Amino acid sequence: MPTRLSPFILATAAKCIGCRACELACSAAHMQGGVSVGSLSGPLSPRLYLMRVGDICVPVGCRHCEDAPCAAVCPNAAIYRTENDGVQVDENRCVGCKTCLMACPMGAMEIAQIWKHGKPAMRRVVDPSNPEDLQFEPALLASKCDLCRGREAGPACVQACPEKALDLVDPVKIKKRRNLEAALALSGAGARAGGEI
């Protein structure tokens, strides 16, 4: 079991202008080969979703919960926590049952067409016209923010946001900074607002 708190992407609604650059960057980052947005050949399939309510817009994505309900209810153990990359989905184990979608408190889970090596991932199903045969069809599997796992520059959405409305948050660093600020404030030395530890 992981011992450290999972990082996550925090969106600041007051800064978001609703441009959807985060969704485009997310889609491009998850296409095989690291394509740019202009060269996307498949459908956009972001792993965070811009939501609008009245004048407010903000991207919503996976919070990589410590006690992740999506992982707890997955009947195939396709959703799991890692030490450094939060909650991840093993697409090879997912059967698209949608149980995770119902359990996620953030609405961050999606059942989407998954692309592997530039082609849609396929699954075998019983041929309805001949129940003794199998046929292949595009697989609809669990999809969610993976913090751009393995991407050297970090999450593409954070990098692409023109208003800096998205931040990759490391809860351990935040806690240390706030503890230090509190200690300095209690000692009368004052806090260093926003300083890195």
N, C-alpha and C. Protein backbone atom coordinates (compact mmCIF):
# COMPACT_ATOMS: atom_id res chain seq x y z
N MET A 1 0.85 -1.18 0.00
CA MET A 1 0.00 0.00 0.00
C MET A 1 0.88 1.24 0.00
N PRO A 2 0.60 2.20 -0.89
CA PRO A 2 1.39 3.43 -0.93
C PRO A 2 1.36 4.16 0.41
N THR A 3 2.49 4.77 0.77
CA THR A 3 2.57 5.45 2.05
C THR A 3 2.52 6.96 1.93
N ARG A 4 2.63 7.49 0.73
CA ARG A 4 2.59 8.94 0.59
C ARG A 4 1.28 9.37 -0.06
N LEU A 5 0.90 10.62 0.19
CA LEU A 5 -0.33 11.13 -0.40
C LEU A 5 -0.14 11.33 -1.89
N SER A 6 -1.17 11.04 -2.64
CA SER A 6 -1.09 11.13 -4.09
C SER A 6 -1.15 12.57 -4.56
N PRO A 7 -0.34 12.91 -5.57
CA PRO A 7 -0.48 14.24 -6.17
C PRO A 7 -1.78 14.30 -6.98
N PHE A 8 -2.22 15.51 -7.28
CA PHE A 8 -3.42 15.68 -8.10
C PHE A 8 -3.36 17.05 -8.76
N ILE A 9 -4.24 17.27 -9.73
CA ILE A 9 -4.29 18.54 -10.43
C ILE A 9 -5.42 19.37 -9.85
N LEU A 10 -5.06 20.56 -9.41
CA LEU A 10 -6.03 21.48 -8.81
C LEU A 10 -6.36 22.57 -9.81
N ALA A 11 -7.65 22.79 -10.02
CA ALA A 11 -8.11 23.83 -10.94
C ALA A 11 -8.64 25.01 -10.14
N THR A 12 -8.26 26.21 -10.55
CA THR A 12 -8.76 27.43 -9.92
C THR A 12 -9.80 28.05 -10.85
N ALA A 13 -11.07 27.96 -10.44
CA ALA A 13 -12.16 28.42 -11.30
C ALA A 13 -12.05 29.91 -11.61
N ALA A 14 -11.55 30.70 -10.68
CA ALA A 14 -11.46 32.15 -10.90
C ALA A 14 -10.50 32.50 -12.04
N LYS A 15 -9.57 31.61 -12.36
CA LYS A 15 -8.61 31.88 -13.43
C LYS A 15 -9.03 31.27 -14.77
N CYS A 16 -9.88 30.26 -14.75
CA CYS A 16 -10.23 29.52 -15.97
C CYS A 16 -11.06 30.40 -16.90
N ILE A 17 -10.67 30.45 -18.18
CA ILE A 17 -11.42 31.22 -19.17
C ILE A 17 -12.21 30.31 -20.11
N GLY A 18 -12.18 29.01 -19.86
CA GLY A 18 -12.99 28.07 -20.64
C GLY A 18 -12.49 27.83 -22.06
N CYS A 19 -11.22 27.98 -22.31
CA CYS A 19 -10.69 27.86 -23.67
C CYS A 19 -10.54 26.42 -24.14
N ARG A 20 -10.59 25.49 -23.25
CA ARG A 20 -10.47 24.06 -23.52
C ARG A 20 -9.07 23.63 -23.96
N ALA A 21 -8.09 24.49 -23.77
CA ALA A 21 -6.71 24.11 -24.10
C ALA A 21 -6.29 22.89 -23.29
N CYS A 22 -6.81 22.77 -22.07
CA CYS A 22 -6.47 21.63 -21.21
C CYS A 22 -6.96 20.33 -21.83
N GLU A 23 -8.19 20.34 -22.35
CA GLU A 23 -8.74 19.12 -22.96
C GLU A 23 -7.97 18.74 -24.22
N LEU A 24 -7.64 19.72 -25.04
CA LEU A 24 -6.88 19.44 -26.26
C LEU A 24 -5.50 18.90 -25.92
N ALA A 25 -4.84 19.53 -24.97
CA ALA A 25 -3.49 19.08 -24.59
C ALA A 25 -3.54 17.68 -24.00
N CYS A 26 -4.56 17.40 -23.22
CA CYS A 26 -4.73 16.08 -22.63
C CYS A 26 -4.92 15.03 -23.73
N SER A 27 -5.79 15.32 -24.67
CA SER A 27 -6.03 14.37 -25.78
C SER A 27 -4.76 14.12 -26.56
N ALA A 28 -4.04 15.18 -26.88
CA ALA A 28 -2.81 15.02 -27.67
C ALA A 28 -1.76 14.23 -26.89
N ALA A 29 -1.68 14.48 -25.59
CA ALA A 29 -0.67 13.80 -24.77
C ALA A 29 -0.92 12.30 -24.67
N HIS A 30 -2.17 11.89 -24.84
CA HIS A 30 -2.48 10.47 -24.69
C HIS A 30 -2.61 9.73 -26.02
N MET A 31 -2.28 10.41 -27.12
CA MET A 31 -2.22 9.72 -28.40
C MET A 31 -0.82 9.14 -28.52
N GLN A 32 -0.70 7.96 -29.02
CA GLN A 32 0.60 7.32 -29.20
C GLN A 32 1.47 8.16 -30.11
N GLY A 33 2.72 8.26 -29.78
CA GLY A 33 3.66 8.98 -30.61
C GLY A 33 3.82 10.44 -30.25
N GLY A 34 3.07 10.92 -29.25
CA GLY A 34 3.23 12.30 -28.81
C GLY A 34 2.90 13.31 -29.89
N VAL A 35 1.79 13.14 -30.56
CA VAL A 35 1.41 14.04 -31.63
C VAL A 35 1.02 15.41 -31.08
N SER A 36 1.03 16.40 -31.94
CA SER A 36 0.54 17.72 -31.56
C SER A 36 -0.95 17.76 -31.82
N VAL A 37 -1.63 18.77 -31.31
CA VAL A 37 -3.08 18.86 -31.48
C VAL A 37 -3.45 18.91 -32.96
N GLY A 38 -2.66 19.63 -33.76
CA GLY A 38 -2.96 19.77 -35.19
C GLY A 38 -2.84 18.49 -35.98
N SER A 39 -2.14 17.51 -35.46
CA SER A 39 -1.96 16.27 -36.21
C SER A 39 -2.74 15.10 -35.61
N LEU A 40 -3.70 15.38 -34.74
CA LEU A 40 -4.50 14.30 -34.16
C LEU A 40 -5.28 13.60 -35.27
N SER A 41 -5.19 12.28 -35.28
CA SER A 41 -5.92 11.54 -36.31
C SER A 41 -7.16 10.85 -35.75
N GLY A 42 -7.23 10.67 -34.46
CA GLY A 42 -8.38 10.03 -33.84
C GLY A 42 -9.27 11.06 -33.18
N PRO A 43 -10.36 10.61 -32.59
CA PRO A 43 -11.26 11.53 -31.90
C PRO A 43 -10.60 12.07 -30.62
N LEU A 44 -11.01 13.28 -30.22
CA LEU A 44 -10.50 13.83 -28.96
C LEU A 44 -11.04 12.99 -27.82
N SER A 45 -10.15 12.65 -26.93
CA SER A 45 -10.56 11.83 -25.79
C SER A 45 -9.83 12.32 -24.54
N PRO A 46 -10.25 13.52 -24.05
CA PRO A 46 -9.56 14.06 -22.87
C PRO A 46 -9.86 13.24 -21.62
N ARG A 47 -9.01 13.42 -20.65
CA ARG A 47 -9.18 12.72 -19.37
C ARG A 47 -9.50 13.68 -18.24
N LEU A 48 -9.78 14.93 -18.60
CA LEU A 48 -10.39 15.89 -17.69
C LEU A 48 -11.43 16.64 -18.52
N TYR A 49 -12.42 17.22 -17.86
CA TYR A 49 -13.57 17.71 -18.56
C TYR A 49 -13.92 19.12 -18.10
N LEU A 50 -13.96 20.05 -19.05
CA LEU A 50 -14.32 21.41 -18.71
C LEU A 50 -15.82 21.47 -18.44
N MET A 51 -16.20 21.97 -17.28
CA MET A 51 -17.60 22.08 -16.91
C MET A 51 -17.97 23.56 -16.83
N ARG A 52 -19.16 23.88 -17.31
CA ARG A 52 -19.66 25.25 -17.25
C ARG A 52 -20.98 25.25 -16.48
N VAL A 53 -21.07 26.16 -15.53
CA VAL A 53 -22.30 26.38 -14.78
C VAL A 53 -22.46 27.88 -14.68
N GLY A 54 -23.40 28.42 -15.47
CA GLY A 54 -23.55 29.87 -15.51
C GLY A 54 -22.27 30.52 -16.01
N ASP A 55 -21.75 31.46 -15.25
CA ASP A 55 -20.52 32.16 -15.63
C ASP A 55 -19.26 31.43 -15.17
N ILE A 56 -19.44 30.33 -14.49
CA ILE A 56 -18.28 29.62 -13.94
C ILE A 56 -17.90 28.47 -14.87
N CYS A 57 -16.63 28.34 -15.13
CA CYS A 57 -16.13 27.18 -15.86
C CYS A 57 -14.85 26.71 -15.17
N VAL A 58 -14.71 25.40 -15.13
CA VAL A 58 -13.54 24.83 -14.49
C VAL A 58 -13.37 23.38 -14.95
N PRO A 59 -12.15 22.99 -15.25
CA PRO A 59 -11.93 21.59 -15.60
C PRO A 59 -12.03 20.69 -14.37
N VAL A 60 -12.66 19.54 -14.55
CA VAL A 60 -12.80 18.56 -13.48
C VAL A 60 -12.08 17.29 -13.90
N GLY A 61 -11.30 16.78 -12.99
CA GLY A 61 -10.56 15.56 -13.28
C GLY A 61 -10.38 14.73 -12.03
N CYS A 62 -9.69 13.63 -12.19
CA CYS A 62 -9.45 12.70 -11.09
C CYS A 62 -8.64 13.37 -9.99
N ARG A 63 -9.04 13.17 -8.75
CA ARG A 63 -8.30 13.70 -7.60
C ARG A 63 -7.35 12.67 -7.01
N HIS A 64 -7.29 11.52 -7.60
CA HIS A 64 -6.38 10.46 -7.15
C HIS A 64 -6.58 10.22 -5.64
N CYS A 65 -7.81 9.94 -5.27
CA CYS A 65 -8.22 9.76 -3.88
C CYS A 65 -7.35 8.71 -3.17
N GLU A 66 -7.06 8.98 -1.92
CA GLU A 66 -6.27 8.02 -1.14
C GLU A 66 -7.04 6.72 -0.92
N ASP A 67 -8.33 6.84 -0.65
CA ASP A 67 -9.18 5.66 -0.48
C ASP A 67 -10.10 5.59 -1.70
N ALA A 68 -9.50 5.44 -2.86
CA ALA A 68 -10.19 5.58 -4.13
C ALA A 68 -11.38 4.62 -4.25
N PRO A 69 -12.60 5.18 -4.27
CA PRO A 69 -13.77 4.29 -4.40
C PRO A 69 -13.80 3.57 -5.73
N CYS A 70 -13.24 4.17 -6.79
CA CYS A 70 -13.22 3.49 -8.09
C CYS A 70 -12.39 2.21 -8.02
N ALA A 71 -11.28 2.28 -7.31
CA ALA A 71 -10.42 1.10 -7.18
C ALA A 71 -11.08 0.07 -6.27
N ALA A 72 -11.76 0.56 -5.23
CA ALA A 72 -12.39 -0.36 -4.28
C ALA A 72 -13.50 -1.19 -4.92
N VAL A 73 -14.21 -0.61 -5.89
CA VAL A 73 -15.35 -1.33 -6.47
C VAL A 73 -15.00 -2.07 -7.75
N CYS A 74 -13.81 -1.86 -8.28
CA CYS A 74 -13.45 -2.51 -9.56
C CYS A 74 -13.41 -4.03 -9.36
N PRO A 75 -14.27 -4.76 -10.06
CA PRO A 75 -14.31 -6.20 -9.85
C PRO A 75 -13.13 -6.94 -10.47
N ASN A 76 -12.35 -6.25 -11.30
CA ASN A 76 -11.26 -6.91 -12.01
C ASN A 76 -9.89 -6.44 -11.57
N ALA A 77 -9.84 -5.63 -10.52
CA ALA A 77 -8.58 -5.05 -10.03
C ALA A 77 -7.84 -4.30 -11.14
N ALA A 78 -8.62 -3.66 -12.02
CA ALA A 78 -8.01 -2.90 -13.12
C ALA A 78 -7.62 -1.50 -12.67
N ILE A 79 -8.12 -1.05 -11.53
CA ILE A 79 -7.80 0.28 -11.02
C ILE A 79 -7.02 0.09 -9.73
N TYR A 80 -5.88 0.78 -9.66
CA TYR A 80 -4.97 0.55 -8.53
C TYR A 80 -4.21 1.83 -8.21
N ARG A 81 -3.68 1.90 -6.99
CA ARG A 81 -2.87 3.05 -6.58
C ARG A 81 -1.40 2.71 -6.73
N THR A 82 -0.61 3.73 -7.07
CA THR A 82 0.84 3.57 -7.16
C THR A 82 1.48 4.50 -6.11
N GLU A 83 2.74 4.28 -5.86
CA GLU A 83 3.45 5.09 -4.87
C GLU A 83 3.58 6.55 -5.30
N ASN A 84 3.89 6.79 -6.56
CA ASN A 84 4.18 8.15 -7.01
C ASN A 84 3.20 8.72 -8.02
N ASP A 85 2.39 7.89 -8.65
CA ASP A 85 1.55 8.37 -9.75
C ASP A 85 0.06 8.29 -9.45
N GLY A 86 -0.31 8.16 -8.20
CA GLY A 86 -1.73 8.17 -7.85
C GLY A 86 -2.48 6.94 -8.33
N VAL A 87 -3.72 7.15 -8.70
CA VAL A 87 -4.62 6.06 -9.10
C VAL A 87 -4.51 5.87 -10.61
N GLN A 88 -4.28 4.65 -11.02
CA GLN A 88 -4.08 4.35 -12.43
C GLN A 88 -5.06 3.26 -12.89
N VAL A 89 -5.26 3.17 -14.19
CA VAL A 89 -6.13 2.15 -14.79
C VAL A 89 -5.28 1.23 -15.66
N ASP A 90 -5.40 -0.05 -15.43
CA ASP A 90 -4.77 -1.05 -16.29
C ASP A 90 -5.81 -1.43 -17.35
N GLU A 91 -5.65 -0.84 -18.53
CA GLU A 91 -6.64 -1.04 -19.59
C GLU A 91 -6.71 -2.49 -20.05
N ASN A 92 -5.66 -3.24 -19.82
CA ASN A 92 -5.68 -4.65 -20.21
C ASN A 92 -6.58 -5.49 -19.30
N ARG A 93 -6.84 -4.99 -18.11
CA ARG A 93 -7.70 -5.73 -17.17
C ARG A 93 -9.14 -5.21 -17.16
N CYS A 94 -9.33 -3.96 -17.62
CA CYS A 94 -10.67 -3.34 -17.58
C CYS A 94 -11.60 -4.05 -18.56
N VAL A 95 -12.84 -4.26 -18.12
CA VAL A 95 -13.84 -4.87 -18.99
C VAL A 95 -14.95 -3.88 -19.34
N GLY A 96 -14.82 -2.63 -18.88
CA GLY A 96 -15.81 -1.61 -19.22
C GLY A 96 -17.13 -1.78 -18.51
N CYS A 97 -17.11 -2.29 -17.29
CA CYS A 97 -18.37 -2.59 -16.58
C CYS A 97 -19.06 -1.35 -16.02
N LYS A 98 -18.37 -0.21 -15.97
CA LYS A 98 -18.92 1.08 -15.52
C LYS A 98 -19.11 1.19 -14.01
N THR A 99 -18.69 0.21 -13.26
CA THR A 99 -18.83 0.29 -11.80
C THR A 99 -18.04 1.47 -11.25
N CYS A 100 -16.84 1.71 -11.78
CA CYS A 100 -16.01 2.84 -11.34
C CYS A 100 -16.69 4.16 -11.63
N LEU A 101 -17.36 4.24 -12.75
CA LEU A 101 -18.06 5.45 -13.14
C LEU A 101 -19.12 5.81 -12.10
N MET A 102 -19.80 4.82 -11.59
CA MET A 102 -20.85 5.05 -10.58
C MET A 102 -20.26 5.40 -9.22
N ALA A 103 -19.06 4.92 -8.92
CA ALA A 103 -18.48 5.13 -7.59
C ALA A 103 -17.71 6.44 -7.46
N CYS A 104 -17.23 7.01 -8.55
CA CYS A 104 -16.37 8.20 -8.47
C CYS A 104 -17.15 9.41 -7.96
N PRO A 105 -16.72 10.01 -6.84
CA PRO A 105 -17.45 11.17 -6.30
C PRO A 105 -17.22 12.45 -7.10
N MET A 106 -16.20 12.48 -7.94
CA MET A 106 -15.88 13.68 -8.73
C MET A 106 -16.46 13.62 -10.15
N GLY A 107 -16.98 12.49 -10.55
CA GLY A 107 -17.43 12.35 -11.93
C GLY A 107 -16.26 12.34 -12.90
N ALA A 108 -15.11 11.95 -12.40
CA ALA A 108 -13.89 12.01 -13.21
C ALA A 108 -13.69 10.78 -14.08
N MET A 109 -14.41 9.72 -13.79
CA MET A 109 -14.27 8.50 -14.58
C MET A 109 -15.07 8.63 -15.87
N GLU A 110 -14.55 8.07 -16.91
CA GLU A 110 -15.25 8.03 -18.18
C GLU A 110 -15.08 6.64 -18.77
N ILE A 111 -16.07 6.20 -19.47
CA ILE A 111 -15.93 4.98 -20.26
C ILE A 111 -15.76 5.45 -21.69
N ALA A 112 -14.58 5.26 -22.23
CA ALA A 112 -14.25 5.85 -23.52
C ALA A 112 -13.52 4.86 -24.40
N GLN A 113 -13.50 5.21 -25.68
CA GLN A 113 -12.73 4.39 -26.61
C GLN A 113 -11.25 4.65 -26.34
N ILE A 114 -10.53 3.59 -26.16
CA ILE A 114 -9.10 3.68 -25.84
C ILE A 114 -8.31 3.38 -27.11
N TRP A 115 -7.26 4.17 -27.30
CA TRP A 115 -6.40 4.01 -28.48
C TRP A 115 -5.06 3.45 -28.04
N LYS A 116 -4.60 2.45 -28.79
CA LYS A 116 -3.28 1.87 -28.55
C LYS A 116 -2.53 1.83 -29.87
N HIS A 117 -1.35 2.41 -29.88
CA HIS A 117 -0.51 2.43 -31.08
C HIS A 117 -1.25 3.02 -32.28
N GLY A 118 -2.03 4.07 -32.04
CA GLY A 118 -2.72 4.75 -33.13
C GLY A 118 -3.97 4.07 -33.63
N LYS A 119 -4.37 2.97 -32.98
CA LYS A 119 -5.58 2.26 -33.39
C LYS A 119 -6.47 2.04 -32.18
N PRO A 120 -7.78 1.95 -32.40
CA PRO A 120 -8.65 1.70 -31.24
C PRO A 120 -8.38 0.32 -30.65
N ALA A 121 -8.36 0.25 -29.33
CA ALA A 121 -8.25 -1.04 -28.66
C ALA A 121 -9.52 -1.82 -28.96
N MET A 122 -9.36 -3.10 -29.21
CA MET A 122 -10.50 -3.93 -29.59
C MET A 122 -10.80 -4.95 -28.50
N ARG A 123 -12.01 -5.43 -28.51
CA ARG A 123 -12.39 -6.51 -27.60
C ARG A 123 -13.20 -7.55 -28.37
N ARG A 124 -13.15 -8.76 -27.85
CA ARG A 124 -13.92 -9.85 -28.48
C ARG A 124 -15.30 -9.90 -27.86
N VAL A 125 -16.31 -10.03 -28.71
CA VAL A 125 -17.68 -10.16 -28.22
C VAL A 125 -18.36 -11.28 -29.01
N VAL A 126 -19.41 -11.79 -28.46
CA VAL A 126 -20.17 -12.83 -29.15
C VAL A 126 -20.89 -12.20 -30.33
N ASP A 127 -20.79 -12.84 -31.47
CA ASP A 127 -21.46 -12.37 -32.68
C ASP A 127 -22.97 -12.57 -32.51
N PRO A 128 -23.75 -11.47 -32.50
CA PRO A 128 -25.20 -11.64 -32.26
C PRO A 128 -25.90 -12.44 -33.36
N SER A 129 -25.34 -12.45 -34.57
CA SER A 129 -25.99 -13.21 -35.65
C SER A 129 -25.59 -14.68 -35.64
N ASN A 130 -24.50 -14.97 -34.94
CA ASN A 130 -24.06 -16.35 -34.82
C ASN A 130 -23.42 -16.54 -33.44
N PRO A 131 -24.22 -16.88 -32.45
CA PRO A 131 -23.72 -16.92 -31.06
C PRO A 131 -22.56 -17.87 -30.81
N GLU A 132 -22.23 -18.69 -31.75
CA GLU A 132 -21.09 -19.59 -31.56
C GLU A 132 -19.77 -18.98 -32.02
N ASP A 133 -19.85 -17.83 -32.68
CA ASP A 133 -18.65 -17.14 -33.14
C ASP A 133 -18.40 -15.87 -32.33
N LEU A 134 -17.16 -15.43 -32.41
CA LEU A 134 -16.78 -14.17 -31.78
C LEU A 134 -16.47 -13.15 -32.87
N GLN A 135 -16.66 -11.88 -32.53
CA GLN A 135 -16.25 -10.81 -33.43
C GLN A 135 -15.55 -9.75 -32.60
N PHE A 136 -14.86 -8.85 -33.27
CA PHE A 136 -14.15 -7.78 -32.57
C PHE A 136 -14.87 -6.45 -32.77
N GLU A 137 -14.85 -5.65 -31.72
CA GLU A 137 -15.42 -4.31 -31.80
C GLU A 137 -14.55 -3.39 -30.94
N PRO A 138 -14.59 -2.05 -31.22
CA PRO A 138 -13.80 -1.13 -30.39
C PRO A 138 -14.19 -1.26 -28.91
N ALA A 139 -13.18 -1.29 -28.08
CA ALA A 139 -13.42 -1.44 -26.64
C ALA A 139 -13.69 -0.10 -26.00
N LEU A 140 -14.71 -0.06 -25.17
CA LEU A 140 -14.99 1.11 -24.35
C LEU A 140 -14.55 0.75 -22.93
N LEU A 141 -13.52 1.44 -22.47
CA LEU A 141 -12.89 1.08 -21.20
C LEU A 141 -12.81 2.27 -20.28
N ALA A 142 -12.47 2.01 -19.01
CA ALA A 142 -12.32 3.08 -18.03
C ALA A 142 -11.19 4.01 -18.47
N SER A 143 -11.45 5.31 -18.35
CA SER A 143 -10.46 6.31 -18.75
C SER A 143 -10.52 7.44 -17.73
N LYS A 144 -9.38 7.89 -17.29
CA LYS A 144 -9.32 8.97 -16.32
C LYS A 144 -7.94 9.60 -16.35
N CYS A 145 -7.78 10.70 -15.67
CA CYS A 145 -6.48 11.37 -15.58
C CYS A 145 -5.44 10.42 -14.99
N ASP A 146 -4.31 10.32 -15.68
CA ASP A 146 -3.21 9.51 -15.17
C ASP A 146 -2.00 10.39 -14.82
N LEU A 147 -2.26 11.69 -14.70
CA LEU A 147 -1.22 12.68 -14.43
C LEU A 147 -0.13 12.65 -15.51
N CYS A 148 -0.53 12.24 -16.72
CA CYS A 148 0.41 12.12 -17.84
C CYS A 148 1.61 11.29 -17.42
N ARG A 149 1.32 10.17 -16.83
CA ARG A 149 2.34 9.24 -16.34
C ARG A 149 3.42 8.99 -17.40
N GLY A 150 4.64 9.20 -17.05
CA GLY A 150 5.75 8.96 -17.97
C GLY A 150 6.10 10.15 -18.85
N ARG A 151 5.30 11.20 -18.81
CA ARG A 151 5.60 12.40 -19.62
C ARG A 151 6.60 13.25 -18.85
N GLU A 152 7.76 13.47 -19.43
CA GLU A 152 8.83 14.17 -18.72
C GLU A 152 8.43 15.58 -18.28
N ALA A 153 7.67 16.28 -19.09
CA ALA A 153 7.29 17.66 -18.76
C ALA A 153 6.13 17.74 -17.78
N GLY A 154 5.61 16.61 -17.32
CA GLY A 154 4.50 16.61 -16.38
C GLY A 154 3.17 16.68 -17.11
N PRO A 155 2.09 16.91 -16.38
CA PRO A 155 0.77 16.92 -16.99
C PRO A 155 0.64 17.97 -18.10
N ALA A 156 0.17 17.52 -19.26
CA ALA A 156 0.05 18.40 -20.42
C ALA A 156 -0.95 19.52 -20.19
N CYS A 157 -2.01 19.24 -19.44
CA CYS A 157 -3.04 20.27 -19.21
C CYS A 157 -2.46 21.44 -18.43
N VAL A 158 -1.64 21.15 -17.43
CA VAL A 158 -1.02 22.21 -16.62
C VAL A 158 -0.11 23.06 -17.49
N GLN A 159 0.64 22.40 -18.34
CA GLN A 159 1.58 23.09 -19.21
C GLN A 159 0.85 23.96 -20.24
N ALA A 160 -0.31 23.49 -20.72
CA ALA A 160 -1.00 24.18 -21.81
C ALA A 160 -1.89 25.33 -21.35
N CYS A 161 -2.29 25.36 -20.10
CA CYS A 161 -3.25 26.38 -19.64
C CYS A 161 -2.65 27.78 -19.77
N PRO A 162 -3.27 28.65 -20.60
CA PRO A 162 -2.71 30.00 -20.79
C PRO A 162 -2.89 30.91 -19.58
N GLU A 163 -3.80 30.56 -18.69
CA GLU A 163 -4.08 31.41 -17.52
C GLU A 163 -3.50 30.84 -16.23
N LYS A 164 -2.75 29.76 -16.33
CA LYS A 164 -2.15 29.12 -15.15
C LYS A 164 -3.23 28.77 -14.11
N ALA A 165 -4.38 28.27 -14.63
CA ALA A 165 -5.48 27.90 -13.74
C ALA A 165 -5.32 26.49 -13.18
N LEU A 166 -4.37 25.74 -13.71
CA LEU A 166 -4.16 24.36 -13.27
C LEU A 166 -2.79 24.23 -12.62
N ASP A 167 -2.75 23.51 -11.53
CA ASP A 167 -1.49 23.25 -10.84
C ASP A 167 -1.42 21.77 -10.48
N LEU A 168 -0.23 21.20 -10.61
CA LEU A 168 0.02 19.86 -10.09
C LEU A 168 0.38 20.04 -8.62
N VAL A 169 -0.47 19.51 -7.75
CA VAL A 169 -0.31 19.71 -6.31
C VAL A 169 0.29 18.46 -5.68
N ASP A 170 1.33 18.67 -4.91
CA ASP A 170 1.92 17.60 -4.11
C ASP A 170 1.51 17.86 -2.66
N PRO A 171 0.58 17.08 -2.13
CA PRO A 171 0.07 17.35 -0.78
C PRO A 171 1.15 17.33 0.29
N VAL A 172 2.19 16.55 0.10
CA VAL A 172 3.26 16.48 1.09
C VAL A 172 3.98 17.83 1.17
N LYS A 173 4.28 18.43 0.02
CA LYS A 173 4.95 19.73 0.01
C LYS A 173 4.05 20.82 0.59
N ILE A 174 2.77 20.75 0.27
CA ILE A 174 1.82 21.74 0.80
C ILE A 174 1.78 21.65 2.32
N LYS A 175 1.70 20.45 2.84
CA LYS A 175 1.63 20.27 4.30
C LYS A 175 2.90 20.81 4.96
N LYS A 176 4.05 20.49 4.40
CA LYS A 176 5.30 20.99 4.99
C LYS A 176 5.34 22.51 4.98
N ARG A 177 4.94 23.11 3.85
CA ARG A 177 4.96 24.58 3.76
C ARG A 177 4.00 25.20 4.79
N ARG A 178 2.81 24.63 4.91
CA ARG A 178 1.84 25.20 5.85
C ARG A 178 2.27 24.99 7.30
N ASN A 179 2.90 23.86 7.59
CA ASN A 179 3.42 23.64 8.95
C ASN A 179 4.50 24.67 9.26
N LEU A 180 5.38 24.93 8.31
CA LEU A 180 6.44 25.92 8.52
C LEU A 180 5.86 27.31 8.70
N GLU A 181 4.88 27.66 7.87
CA GLU A 181 4.24 28.97 8.01
C GLU A 181 3.57 29.10 9.38
N ALA A 182 2.91 28.05 9.83
CA ALA A 182 2.25 28.09 11.14
C ALA A 182 3.28 28.23 12.26
N ALA A 183 4.38 27.48 12.14
CA ALA A 183 5.42 27.56 13.17
C ALA A 183 6.02 28.96 13.23
N LEU A 184 6.28 29.54 12.05
CA LEU A 184 6.84 30.89 12.01
C LEU A 184 5.84 31.91 12.57
N ALA A 185 4.57 31.74 12.23
CA ALA A 185 3.55 32.66 12.73
C ALA A 185 3.42 32.55 14.25
N LEU A 186 3.45 31.32 14.77
CA LEU A 186 3.33 31.11 16.22
C LEU A 186 4.54 31.67 16.97
N SER A 187 5.70 31.65 16.30
CA SER A 187 6.90 32.15 16.96
C SER A 187 7.03 33.66 16.87
N GLY A 188 6.13 34.26 16.07
CA GLY A 188 6.18 35.71 15.92
C GLY A 188 7.10 36.16 14.80
N ALA A 189 7.71 35.19 14.12
CA ALA A 189 8.62 35.54 13.03
C ALA A 189 7.88 35.84 11.74
N GLY A 190 6.59 35.48 11.65
CA GLY A 190 5.82 35.74 10.45
C GLY A 190 6.01 34.62 9.44
N ALA A 191 5.05 34.49 8.54
CA ALA A 191 5.08 33.43 7.54
C ALA A 191 5.66 33.95 6.25
N ARG A 192 6.28 33.03 5.54
CA ARG A 192 6.77 33.35 4.20
C ARG A 192 5.69 32.91 3.23
N ALA A 193 4.86 33.83 2.84
CA ALA A 193 3.74 33.49 1.97
C ALA A 193 4.21 32.95 0.65
N GLY A 194 3.73 31.75 0.29
CA GLY A 194 3.98 31.17 -1.01
C GLY A 194 5.40 30.67 -1.21
N GLY A 195 6.23 30.69 -0.22
CA GLY A 195 7.61 30.24 -0.40
C GLY A 195 7.71 28.75 -0.55
N GLU A 196 8.63 28.29 -1.36
CA GLU A 196 8.85 26.86 -1.54
C GLU A 196 9.71 26.32 -0.42
N ILE A 197 9.41 25.12 0.00
CA ILE A 197 10.20 24.44 1.02
C ILE A 197 11.14 23.49 0.34
